[in-house]
Amino acid sequence: MGLSLAAGVAVAVSAISPADSATLRWAFQGQLNALDPYTLNETFTLGQLGNVYEGLTRRGPDLEIEPALAESWEIIEPTRWRFHLRQGVKFHNGNDFNADDVVFSAERVQSQNSDLKTRLPGDVKVEKVDDHTVDFVLSQPNPILHYEWDTWYIMDKEWSEENGATEVVSASDRSDNRAAFETNGTGPYTIDSHEPGVRTVFKANPDWWDEIEGNIEEVVFTPISQDSTRVAALLSGEVDLVDPVPVQDVARVEQNPNTDALTGPELRTIFLGFNSMDDELSSSDIKGENPFKDARVRKALYQAIDIEAIKQKVMRGMSEPSALLISPLLYDRAGEFERHAYDPEAAMQLLEEAGYGDGFTVTMDCPNDRYVNDEAICQAVASMVAKIGVRIDLNAQPKAQYFGKVLATGGYDTDFYLLGWTPSSMDSYNIFANLSGCRDETGKGSPFNLGGWCNEKVDELAGQVLTENDPDKRNELIFEAFSIMHDEVSHIPLHQQSLAWGKSTKLDLVQRADNQVLFKWMTLSE
């Protein structure tokens, strides 16, 4: 079967009239650090770099897949996909975009230190047919091959080689790799200057092959970690857009005559994970064994958590408790699952049965500037599990240090952690491939299964999910895999957090459910 899609305009039509142009000033709670588009598989970072780089595909305002650097594609054999590349596209430095860049980017995204290896199957072969045609040859059919390619950004082979940027900058790397501080994409904006953790300035690309629909000529991004300072900057007019608005300040932003609060459901699920792979927890007072290898202990912590209290007291009602690692907006059978009941007495009984009636200590890793009220959630969890004898040493850090510690590049240095996940493919298989599949010490397998939980049956089902074309059969396989994860307490799902952006009333924009901040759809009036 094949799929052909209309080509975009291959001439420079994106220039913004000086009379209409505007500067957007915006602030996020965390920092924009390394600019290498393969360093960190994180929505904020990928969203910011999505203004600069492009994939073969992209997603529209409603998250529908659209052609981007590929004009069209077709499945010419069950295991061979052919992508027809857009002609006339140039990188920001003037280099032509062609098939060599796609082949190079495929190799680079799967290389050491890449945090986006799962964008492509590990055994895929990428073949150049001609300068504007590329084949992806698979070992087995894969109906969702391109679902995550909107954030697999294509890099310039020539520029990377000339600037010593062929290797990926790891999340824990502090070297001077040029790809960490400079960009060379094909997208609607360039990065004019970048001071990591301080200030980043974007400029509209007058030579973009497509059209910028808004009037933002310049963007000045400043990280503001303090909630009160970030909200004050919005209310005073110092910035035009902030993300997130703390849940306790949403009403205040809404009541201010010059600002609006934009809230809505987000696809991200916030959850807790356990180190259930190592034979001993390095941070625990239990030696010679690992309590988290026992599903009864994992379930005990689950049942010690009062999710409704977190929703009402920590999230101020702006969250939806979840029984799965995926939003019900993305999986229509999610409603058939129920959370394990909050029951501290049952939790203590489970610990007793598992041989840990006296409890134990463990360190919990948590970001403090990445998700809505992330540190406060961790503090609440620590307080709740303390009541069943599990004593938490909370290690809350800025996201740069947090990710540098807990990801593969940091050696998966965590025993208990909080993480948020939006499946970039908008499909359940993404959860199995990234969060719940078996992995080795290097991350081969499911690279974001930080705790290493492993169930061979779930892996077998995931493999079948990937290749099954019948939607009913596929849904049954997904349901069975999620059922095992739920029963075995592979993780503790907490909730889907709500989007909460604050903006000037003069700013019109598109707020997507994946929480990416994209400038091309923004208009700022006087």
Protein backbone atom coordinates (compact mmCIF):
# COMPACT_ATOMS: atom_id res chain seq x y z
CA MET A 1 0.00 0.00 0.00
CA GLY A 2 1.13 3.58 -0.40
CA LEU A 3 0.50 7.04 0.93
CA SER A 4 1.09 10.18 -1.11
CA LEU A 5 0.78 13.63 0.39
CA ALA A 6 0.88 17.03 -1.23
CA ALA A 7 4.21 18.81 -1.37
CA GLY A 8 4.79 22.06 0.49
CA VAL A 9 6.03 25.25 -1.10
CA ALA A 10 9.76 24.98 -1.73
CA VAL A 11 10.49 28.68 -1.89
CA ALA A 12 11.09 31.27 0.80
CA VAL A 13 7.64 32.47 1.83
CA SER A 14 8.05 32.73 5.58
CA ALA A 15 9.46 36.22 5.93
CA ILE A 16 7.50 38.36 8.39
CA SER A 17 6.74 41.96 7.49
CA PRO A 18 8.71 44.34 9.76
CA ALA A 19 5.53 46.31 10.37
CA ASP A 20 3.80 43.23 11.77
CA SER A 21 6.75 41.57 13.49
CA ALA A 22 6.85 41.09 17.23
CA THR A 23 9.22 39.88 19.94
CA LEU A 24 7.92 37.14 22.22
CA ARG A 25 9.34 36.99 25.71
CA TRP A 26 8.67 33.74 27.45
CA ALA A 27 9.73 31.78 30.52
CA PHE A 28 9.73 28.13 31.56
CA GLN A 29 10.44 26.66 34.98
CA GLY A 30 13.48 24.71 33.76
CA GLN A 31 16.57 25.43 31.73
CA LEU A 32 17.39 24.89 28.08
CA ASN A 33 20.86 23.41 28.26
CA ALA A 34 22.53 21.38 25.48
CA LEU A 35 21.16 22.16 22.02
CA ASP A 36 22.09 18.78 20.55
CA PRO A 37 18.69 17.43 19.43
CA TYR A 38 19.61 13.87 20.46
CA THR A 39 20.81 14.65 23.99
CA LEU A 40 17.57 14.55 25.93
CA ASN A 41 14.25 12.87 25.16
CA GLU A 42 12.27 15.50 27.04
CA THR A 43 9.20 17.36 25.80
CA PHE A 44 10.40 20.85 26.74
CA THR A 45 13.82 20.48 25.13
CA LEU A 46 12.48 18.75 22.03
CA GLY A 47 9.71 21.34 21.73
CA GLN A 48 12.16 24.23 21.83
CA LEU A 49 14.46 22.57 19.33
CA GLY A 50 11.41 21.78 17.18
CA ASN A 51 11.33 25.48 16.34
CA VAL A 52 14.81 25.11 14.85
CA TYR A 53 15.10 21.56 13.56
CA GLU A 54 12.60 19.46 11.60
CA GLY A 55 11.83 15.81 11.12
CA LEU A 56 10.75 13.93 8.04
CA THR A 57 7.25 14.30 9.49
CA ARG A 58 5.68 16.81 11.86
CA ARG A 59 2.42 17.09 13.79
CA GLY A 60 -0.27 19.71 13.31
CA PRO A 61 -2.28 21.65 15.91
CA ASP A 62 -4.40 18.57 16.68
CA LEU A 63 -1.34 16.27 16.66
CA GLU A 64 -2.15 14.83 13.25
CA ILE A 65 0.88 13.58 11.28
CA GLU A 66 1.87 15.85 8.40
CA PRO A 67 4.67 15.79 5.80
CA ALA A 68 7.69 17.92 6.63
CA LEU A 69 11.17 17.22 5.25
CA ALA A 70 9.57 14.25 3.50
CA GLU A 71 6.90 15.31 1.00
CA SER A 72 5.40 11.83 0.85
CA TRP A 73 6.06 8.23 1.73
CA GLU A 74 4.91 4.78 0.73
CA ILE A 75 5.24 1.19 1.85
CA ILE A 76 6.58 -0.52 -1.25
CA GLU A 77 7.06 -3.87 0.52
CA PRO A 78 5.83 -4.95 3.97
CA THR A 79 9.32 -4.29 5.34
CA ARG A 80 10.45 -1.44 3.08
CA TRP A 81 9.26 2.13 3.46
CA ARG A 82 10.25 4.75 0.90
CA PHE A 83 10.39 8.45 1.78
CA HIS A 84 10.45 11.11 -0.93
CA LEU A 85 12.36 14.12 0.40
CA ARG A 86 11.40 17.73 -0.08
CA GLN A 87 13.59 19.47 -2.64
CA GLY A 88 14.94 23.00 -2.37
CA VAL A 89 15.24 22.92 1.43
CA LYS A 90 18.34 24.49 2.95
CA PHE A 91 19.87 24.31 6.39
CA HIS A 92 20.34 27.60 8.20
CA ASN A 93 23.95 27.85 7.02
CA GLY A 94 22.90 27.49 3.37
CA ASN A 95 23.76 23.83 2.89
CA ASP A 96 21.30 21.78 0.85
CA PHE A 97 19.18 19.15 2.59
CA ASN A 98 19.41 15.74 0.94
CA ALA A 99 19.38 11.99 1.49
CA ASP A 100 22.91 11.97 2.93
CA ASP A 101 21.64 14.01 5.87
CA VAL A 102 18.89 11.48 6.58
CA VAL A 103 21.27 8.53 6.50
CA PHE A 104 23.73 10.40 8.73
CA SER A 105 20.99 11.40 11.18
CA ALA A 106 19.76 7.81 11.38
CA GLU A 107 23.25 6.63 12.31
CA ARG A 108 23.78 9.46 14.77
CA VAL A 109 20.44 9.05 16.58
CA GLN A 110 21.23 5.39 17.21
CA SER A 111 24.80 6.01 18.36
CA GLN A 112 26.33 6.06 21.82
CA ASN A 113 25.01 8.80 24.17
CA SER A 114 21.85 9.34 22.12
CA ASP A 115 18.75 9.60 24.28
CA LEU A 116 16.48 9.07 21.26
CA LYS A 117 17.59 5.63 20.08
CA THR A 118 14.01 4.34 20.07
CA ARG A 119 13.04 6.70 17.25
CA LEU A 120 14.22 3.91 14.92
CA PRO A 121 14.21 0.11 15.23
CA GLY A 122 17.65 -1.02 16.29
CA ASP A 123 18.15 -3.23 13.22
CA VAL A 124 16.76 -0.86 10.57
CA LYS A 125 18.81 -0.32 7.43
CA VAL A 126 18.61 3.17 5.93
CA GLU A 127 19.45 3.20 2.23
CA LYS A 128 19.95 6.19 -0.05
CA VAL A 129 18.11 5.61 -3.33
CA ASP A 130 19.02 8.99 -4.80
CA ASP A 131 19.60 12.51 -3.46
CA HIS A 132 15.94 12.91 -2.56
CA THR A 133 14.76 9.36 -1.86
CA VAL A 134 15.53 7.18 1.16
CA ASP A 135 14.42 3.63 1.97
CA PHE A 136 14.02 2.24 5.49
CA VAL A 137 14.39 -1.53 5.42
CA LEU A 138 12.98 -3.39 8.43
CA SER A 139 13.39 -6.91 9.76
CA GLN A 140 9.63 -7.14 10.34
CA PRO A 141 6.54 -5.08 9.48
CA ASN A 142 6.04 -1.97 11.60
CA PRO A 143 2.82 -0.02 10.94
CA ILE A 144 3.88 2.84 13.26
CA LEU A 145 7.46 3.29 12.02
CA HIS A 146 7.09 7.06 11.50
CA TYR A 147 4.85 7.92 14.45
CA GLU A 148 7.70 9.48 16.48
CA TRP A 149 9.60 11.13 13.66
CA ASP A 150 8.26 14.63 14.31
CA THR A 151 10.88 14.80 17.09
CA TRP A 152 13.61 12.87 15.28
CA TYR A 153 15.25 15.98 13.90
CA ILE A 154 17.43 15.79 10.80
CA MET A 155 20.94 17.20 11.14
CA ASP A 156 23.30 18.46 8.46
CA LYS A 157 25.98 15.84 7.75
CA GLU A 158 28.45 18.36 6.31
CA TRP A 159 28.10 20.82 9.19
CA SER A 160 28.36 18.07 11.81
CA GLU A 161 31.53 16.66 10.28
CA GLU A 162 33.14 20.07 9.78
CA ASN A 163 32.42 21.08 13.37
CA GLY A 164 33.32 17.88 15.19
CA ALA A 165 29.69 17.24 16.08
CA THR A 166 29.26 13.72 14.72
CA GLU A 167 29.02 12.34 18.27
CA VAL A 168 25.98 12.99 20.45
CA VAL A 169 26.39 15.18 23.52
CA SER A 170 25.25 13.03 26.45
CA ALA A 171 22.99 14.38 29.18
CA SER A 172 25.88 14.14 31.66
CA ASP A 173 28.49 15.64 29.30
CA ARG A 174 30.10 18.97 30.18
CA SER A 175 32.48 19.14 27.19
CA ASP A 176 32.63 21.81 24.50
CA ASN A 177 31.06 19.78 21.69
CA ARG A 178 29.83 22.44 19.28
CA ALA A 179 26.44 20.76 18.83
CA ALA A 180 25.71 21.56 22.48
CA PHE A 181 25.90 25.32 21.94
CA GLU A 182 25.07 25.89 18.27
CA THR A 183 22.35 24.67 15.92
CA ASN A 184 21.99 24.25 12.18
CA GLY A 185 18.51 23.07 11.35
CA THR A 186 16.02 23.64 8.54
CA GLY A 187 13.17 24.96 10.67
CA PRO A 188 11.25 28.23 10.95
CA TYR A 189 13.60 29.74 13.55
CA THR A 190 17.33 29.95 14.11
CA ILE A 191 19.08 30.32 17.44
CA ASP A 192 20.82 33.68 17.45
CA SER A 193 22.46 33.32 20.85
CA HIS A 194 22.47 30.76 23.63
CA GLU A 195 23.65 31.08 27.21
CA PRO A 196 22.78 27.71 28.83
CA GLY A 197 20.53 28.19 31.81
CA VAL A 198 20.42 31.97 31.31
CA ARG A 199 18.97 33.18 28.01
CA THR A 200 18.31 31.93 24.49
CA VAL A 201 17.33 34.16 21.57
CA PHE A 202 15.54 32.77 18.51
CA LYS A 203 15.14 34.61 15.19
CA ALA A 204 12.67 33.88 12.37
CA ASN A 205 14.26 32.11 9.41
CA PRO A 206 13.46 34.19 6.27
CA ASP A 207 14.45 31.27 4.04
CA TRP A 208 12.20 28.63 5.55
CA TRP A 209 10.53 26.47 2.91
CA ASP A 210 7.11 26.81 4.60
CA GLU A 211 5.13 29.72 6.02
CA ILE A 212 5.21 31.06 9.56
CA GLU A 213 1.54 31.63 10.32
CA GLY A 214 2.06 34.12 13.15
CA ASN A 215 4.10 37.31 13.48
CA ILE A 216 6.84 36.33 15.93
CA GLU A 217 10.13 37.59 14.50
CA GLU A 218 12.19 37.17 17.66
CA VAL A 219 11.84 35.03 20.80
CA VAL A 220 13.70 35.70 24.03
CA PHE A 221 13.56 32.70 26.33
CA THR A 222 14.53 33.01 30.00
CA PRO A 223 14.29 30.21 32.55
CA ILE A 224 12.59 31.31 35.78
CA SER A 225 12.61 28.48 38.30
CA GLN A 226 10.82 30.28 41.12
CA ASP A 227 7.06 29.95 40.73
CA SER A 228 6.30 33.30 42.37
CA THR A 229 8.90 35.13 40.27
CA ARG A 230 7.63 33.55 37.05
CA VAL A 231 4.02 34.50 37.75
CA ALA A 232 5.03 38.02 38.81
CA ALA A 233 6.90 38.45 35.52
CA LEU A 234 3.74 37.54 33.61
CA LEU A 235 1.42 39.73 35.66
CA SER A 236 3.75 42.74 35.33
CA GLY A 237 4.08 42.31 31.55
CA GLU A 238 7.78 41.50 31.74
CA VAL A 239 7.07 38.30 29.79
CA ASP A 240 4.24 37.35 27.44
CA LEU A 241 4.07 33.61 28.13
CA VAL A 242 4.95 31.30 31.04
CA ASP A 243 4.81 27.53 31.52
CA PRO A 244 3.69 26.28 33.90
CA VAL A 245 1.45 28.47 36.00
CA PRO A 246 1.48 26.92 39.49
CA VAL A 247 -1.91 25.40 40.18
CA GLN A 248 -2.40 27.70 43.17
CA ASP A 249 -1.95 30.77 40.93
CA VAL A 250 -4.26 29.85 38.03
CA ALA A 251 -7.19 31.88 39.40
CA ARG A 252 -4.93 34.86 40.04
CA VAL A 253 -3.66 34.84 36.46
CA GLU A 254 -7.20 34.45 35.14
CA GLN A 255 -8.50 37.36 37.21
CA ASN A 256 -5.77 39.76 36.07
CA PRO A 257 -7.19 41.94 33.25
CA ASN A 258 -4.04 41.61 31.08
CA THR A 259 -3.43 37.87 31.34
CA ASP A 260 -5.16 34.57 30.66
CA ALA A 261 -4.61 31.07 32.01
CA LEU A 262 -4.77 28.29 29.44
CA THR A 263 -5.56 24.95 31.02
CA GLY A 264 -6.52 21.62 29.57
CA PRO A 265 -5.73 17.91 29.63
CA GLU A 266 -2.13 16.93 28.97
CA LEU A 267 -1.03 13.59 27.56
CA ARG A 268 1.81 13.25 30.10
CA THR A 269 1.55 10.67 32.88
CA ILE A 270 3.46 11.24 36.11
CA PHE A 271 4.57 8.02 37.80
CA LEU A 272 6.97 6.43 40.26
CA GLY A 273 9.48 3.74 39.38
CA PHE A 274 11.52 1.22 41.36
CA ASN A 275 14.98 -0.25 40.97
CA SER A 276 13.85 -3.86 40.69
CA MET A 277 16.89 -4.96 38.68
CA ASP A 278 19.87 -4.79 41.05
CA ASP A 279 20.44 -7.42 43.72
CA GLU A 280 20.79 -4.71 46.35
CA LEU A 281 19.55 -1.13 46.70
CA SER A 282 22.65 1.00 47.15
CA SER A 283 20.73 3.67 49.09
CA SER A 284 18.89 1.33 51.50
CA ASP A 285 19.70 0.02 54.96
CA ILE A 286 18.61 -3.41 53.74
CA LYS A 287 21.79 -5.15 52.60
CA GLY A 288 22.27 -8.26 50.48
CA GLU A 289 18.81 -8.12 48.95
CA ASN A 290 16.47 -5.80 47.09
CA PRO A 291 12.98 -5.28 48.55
CA PHE A 292 11.72 -3.85 45.24
CA LYS A 293 12.21 -7.19 43.49
CA ASP A 294 9.12 -8.34 45.42
CA ALA A 295 5.82 -7.27 43.84
CA ARG A 296 4.25 -7.23 47.31
CA VAL A 297 6.62 -4.45 48.38
CA ARG A 298 5.93 -2.46 45.22
CA LYS A 299 2.18 -2.87 45.79
CA ALA A 300 2.58 -1.85 49.43
CA LEU A 301 4.06 1.50 48.43
CA TYR A 302 1.30 1.90 45.83
CA GLN A 303 -1.44 1.31 48.42
CA ALA A 304 0.22 3.68 50.88
CA ILE A 305 -0.25 6.61 48.50
CA ASP A 306 -3.43 8.66 48.85
CA ILE A 307 -3.80 9.83 45.26
CA GLU A 308 -6.93 11.87 46.00
CA ALA A 309 -5.04 13.84 48.64
CA ILE A 310 -2.31 14.56 46.09
CA LYS A 311 -4.95 15.66 43.58
CA GLN A 312 -6.74 17.99 45.98
CA LYS A 313 -3.93 19.31 48.20
CA VAL A 314 -0.88 19.27 45.95
CA MET A 315 -2.41 19.66 42.49
CA ARG A 316 -5.41 21.79 43.55
CA GLY A 317 -7.69 19.58 41.48
CA MET A 318 -5.61 19.99 38.31
CA SER A 319 -4.73 16.34 37.78
CA GLU A 320 -6.54 13.14 36.88
CA PRO A 321 -5.51 10.02 38.82
CA SER A 322 -4.38 7.21 36.55
CA ALA A 323 -4.17 3.43 36.78
CA LEU A 324 -1.91 3.13 33.72
CA LEU A 325 1.22 4.73 32.31
CA ILE A 326 -0.79 6.13 29.40
CA SER A 327 -3.49 8.77 29.14
CA PRO A 328 -7.04 7.56 28.45
CA LEU A 329 -7.01 10.07 25.59
CA LEU A 330 -4.53 7.73 23.89
CA TYR A 331 -5.88 4.33 24.94
CA ASP A 332 -9.62 3.80 24.85
CA ARG A 333 -9.60 0.79 27.22
CA ALA A 334 -7.82 2.65 30.00
CA GLY A 335 -11.15 3.02 31.81
CA GLU A 336 -11.28 -0.73 32.35
CA PHE A 337 -8.38 -0.48 34.81
CA GLU A 338 -8.75 0.72 38.40
CA ARG A 339 -6.00 1.91 40.70
CA HIS A 340 -5.02 -0.35 43.57
CA ALA A 341 -6.98 1.03 46.50
CA TYR A 342 -5.42 3.40 49.01
CA ASP A 343 -5.18 1.14 52.07
CA PRO A 344 -2.28 1.69 54.52
CA GLU A 345 -3.28 -1.33 56.63
CA ALA A 346 -3.21 -3.62 53.59
CA ALA A 347 0.12 -2.04 52.64
CA MET A 348 1.65 -2.83 56.03
CA GLN A 349 0.36 -6.38 55.78
CA LEU A 350 2.03 -6.78 52.38
CA LEU A 351 5.35 -5.55 53.80
CA GLU A 352 5.01 -8.00 56.67
CA GLU A 353 4.33 -10.89 54.30
CA ALA A 354 7.36 -9.91 52.20
CA GLY A 355 9.62 -9.91 55.28
CA TYR A 356 9.95 -6.15 55.68
CA GLY A 357 7.58 -5.54 58.54
CA ASP A 358 10.06 -3.13 60.14
CA GLY A 359 10.28 -1.11 56.93
CA PHE A 360 13.46 0.16 55.33
CA THR A 361 15.19 3.29 54.05
CA VAL A 362 15.66 4.28 50.41
CA THR A 363 16.64 7.41 48.48
CA MET A 364 14.04 8.90 46.13
CA ASP A 365 15.24 10.92 43.13
CA CYS A 366 12.98 13.71 42.00
CA PRO A 367 13.27 16.74 39.69
CA ASN A 368 12.24 20.05 41.18
CA ASP A 369 11.77 22.10 37.99
CA ARG A 370 10.38 19.73 35.38
CA TYR A 371 6.78 18.71 36.10
CA VAL A 372 3.91 20.52 37.78
CA ASN A 373 4.64 20.53 41.54
CA ASP A 374 7.11 17.69 41.10
CA GLU A 375 9.03 18.19 44.35
CA ALA A 376 5.79 18.71 46.31
CA ILE A 377 4.46 15.40 44.93
CA CYS A 378 7.63 13.64 46.05
CA GLN A 379 7.39 15.21 49.50
CA ALA A 380 3.79 14.04 49.80
CA VAL A 381 4.71 10.50 48.72
CA ALA A 382 7.59 10.42 51.22
CA SER A 383 5.24 11.44 54.02
CA MET A 384 2.65 8.82 53.02
CA VAL A 385 4.98 5.83 52.72
CA ALA A 386 6.65 6.79 56.01
CA LYS A 387 3.41 5.74 57.70
CA ILE A 388 4.03 2.14 56.63
CA GLY A 389 7.69 2.23 57.68
CA VAL A 390 9.41 3.12 54.39
CA ARG A 391 11.69 6.02 55.21
CA ILE A 392 12.57 8.24 52.24
CA ASP A 393 15.70 10.30 51.80
CA LEU A 394 14.45 12.78 49.20
CA ASN A 395 16.99 13.92 46.61
CA ALA A 396 15.25 16.71 44.66
CA GLN A 397 17.40 18.41 42.00
CA PRO A 398 17.09 20.66 38.94
CA LYS A 399 16.29 18.60 35.88
CA ALA A 400 19.77 18.87 34.34
CA GLN A 401 21.34 17.19 37.37
CA TYR A 402 18.41 14.82 37.84
CA PHE A 403 18.45 13.47 34.28
CA GLY A 404 22.26 13.35 34.29
CA LYS A 405 22.03 11.01 37.29
CA VAL A 406 19.10 8.70 36.54
CA LEU A 407 19.37 8.16 32.76
CA ALA A 408 21.61 5.63 31.02
CA THR A 409 24.42 8.18 30.67
CA GLY A 410 24.47 8.46 34.48
CA GLY A 411 24.46 4.70 34.93
CA TYR A 412 20.80 4.53 35.99
CA ASP A 413 21.88 5.77 39.40
CA THR A 414 18.52 5.60 41.17
CA ASP A 415 16.59 3.24 43.46
CA PHE A 416 13.23 5.04 43.52
CA TYR A 417 12.25 7.92 41.26
CA LEU A 418 9.54 10.16 39.85
CA LEU A 419 9.27 10.59 36.09
CA GLY A 420 6.78 11.97 33.58
CA TRP A 421 6.16 10.50 30.14
CA THR A 422 4.28 11.56 27.03
CA PRO A 423 4.34 8.82 24.37
CA SER A 424 5.66 10.70 21.36
CA SER A 425 4.03 8.22 18.98
CA MET A 426 0.64 8.77 20.72
CA ASP A 427 0.46 4.98 20.86
CA SER A 428 0.65 2.34 23.62
CA TYR A 429 3.60 0.57 22.03
CA ASN A 430 5.73 3.57 22.98
CA ILE A 431 5.19 2.69 26.65
CA PHE A 432 6.34 -0.89 26.17
CA ALA A 433 9.33 0.14 24.04
CA ASN A 434 10.53 2.87 26.39
CA LEU A 435 9.30 2.31 29.94
CA SER A 436 8.50 -1.34 30.63
CA GLY A 437 10.59 -3.55 28.38
CA CYS A 438 13.52 -5.54 29.71
CA ARG A 439 16.89 -3.81 29.35
CA ASP A 440 20.55 -4.41 30.11
CA GLU A 441 22.89 -2.23 32.16
CA THR A 442 23.61 0.01 29.15
CA GLY A 443 19.94 0.64 28.34
CA LYS A 444 19.67 -1.75 25.40
CA GLY A 445 16.01 -2.68 25.42
CA SER A 446 13.76 -0.09 27.03
CA PRO A 447 16.14 2.84 27.66
CA PHE A 448 13.81 4.77 29.98
CA ASN A 449 12.96 1.78 32.14
CA LEU A 450 15.20 3.38 34.74
CA GLY A 451 14.56 0.72 37.38
CA GLY A 452 14.97 -2.23 35.03
CA TRP A 453 11.65 -4.02 35.72
CA CYS A 454 11.46 -7.02 33.42
CA ASN A 455 8.71 -9.42 32.40
CA GLU A 456 9.40 -11.62 29.40
CA LYS A 457 5.69 -12.09 28.66
CA VAL A 458 5.20 -8.32 28.39
CA ASP A 459 8.17 -8.17 26.01
CA GLU A 460 6.66 -10.96 23.92
CA LEU A 461 3.31 -9.16 23.78
CA ALA A 462 5.03 -5.88 22.89
CA GLY A 463 6.68 -7.53 19.92
CA GLN A 464 3.30 -8.74 18.73
CA VAL A 465 1.75 -5.29 19.26
CA LEU A 466 4.42 -3.77 17.04
CA THR A 467 3.65 -5.98 14.03
CA GLU A 468 -0.10 -6.64 14.39
CA ASN A 469 -2.17 -4.78 11.78
CA ASP A 470 -5.62 -5.94 12.93
CA PRO A 471 -6.77 -3.20 15.36
CA ASP A 472 -8.98 -5.50 17.46
CA LYS A 473 -6.26 -8.12 17.90
CA ARG A 474 -3.75 -5.37 18.60
CA ASN A 475 -5.96 -3.89 21.32
CA GLU A 476 -6.28 -7.29 23.00
CA LEU A 477 -2.50 -7.66 23.05
CA ILE A 478 -2.12 -4.16 24.53
CA PHE A 479 -4.75 -4.90 27.18
CA GLU A 480 -3.00 -8.12 28.20
CA ALA A 481 0.37 -6.38 28.52
CA PHE A 482 -1.05 -3.53 30.60
CA SER A 483 -2.88 -6.07 32.79
CA ILE A 484 0.39 -7.80 33.68
CA MET A 485 2.07 -4.47 34.43
CA HIS A 486 -0.88 -3.45 36.61
CA ASP A 487 -0.99 -6.73 38.54
CA GLU A 488 2.79 -6.90 39.00
CA VAL A 489 3.02 -3.19 39.89
CA SER A 490 5.80 -2.53 37.41
CA HIS A 491 5.47 1.17 38.33
CA ILE A 492 3.10 3.34 40.34
CA PRO A 493 1.06 5.53 37.97
CA LEU A 494 0.04 8.74 39.72
CA HIS A 495 -1.85 11.07 37.39
CA GLN A 496 -2.06 12.99 34.17
CA GLN A 497 -1.18 16.58 35.04
CA SER A 498 -3.11 19.44 33.48
CA LEU A 499 -1.60 21.93 31.10
CA ALA A 500 -1.34 25.34 32.73
CA TRP A 501 0.12 28.12 30.62
CA GLY A 502 -0.16 31.79 31.42
CA LYS A 503 -0.18 34.33 28.61
CA SER A 504 -0.75 37.97 27.81
CA THR A 505 -4.21 38.73 26.47
CA LYS A 506 -2.41 40.16 23.42
CA LEU A 507 -0.97 36.75 22.53
CA ASP A 508 -2.82 34.23 20.38
CA LEU A 509 -1.35 30.75 20.14
CA VAL A 510 -1.95 27.02 19.69
CA GLN A 511 -1.72 24.94 22.86
CA ARG A 512 -1.20 21.31 21.92
CA ALA A 513 -1.94 18.49 24.34
CA ASP A 514 1.69 17.33 24.13
CA ASN A 515 2.80 20.64 25.75
CA GLN A 516 5.24 21.67 23.03
CA VAL A 517 5.68 25.44 22.73
CA LEU A 518 5.90 26.21 19.00
CA PHE A 519 6.39 29.80 17.89
CA LYS A 520 5.19 29.53 14.28
CA TRP A 521 1.55 29.56 15.39
CA MET A 522 1.81 32.61 17.67
CA THR A 523 0.63 36.18 17.05
CA LEU A 524 1.35 39.04 19.44
CA SER A 525 -0.66 42.21 18.92
CA GLU A 526 0.20 45.70 20.13
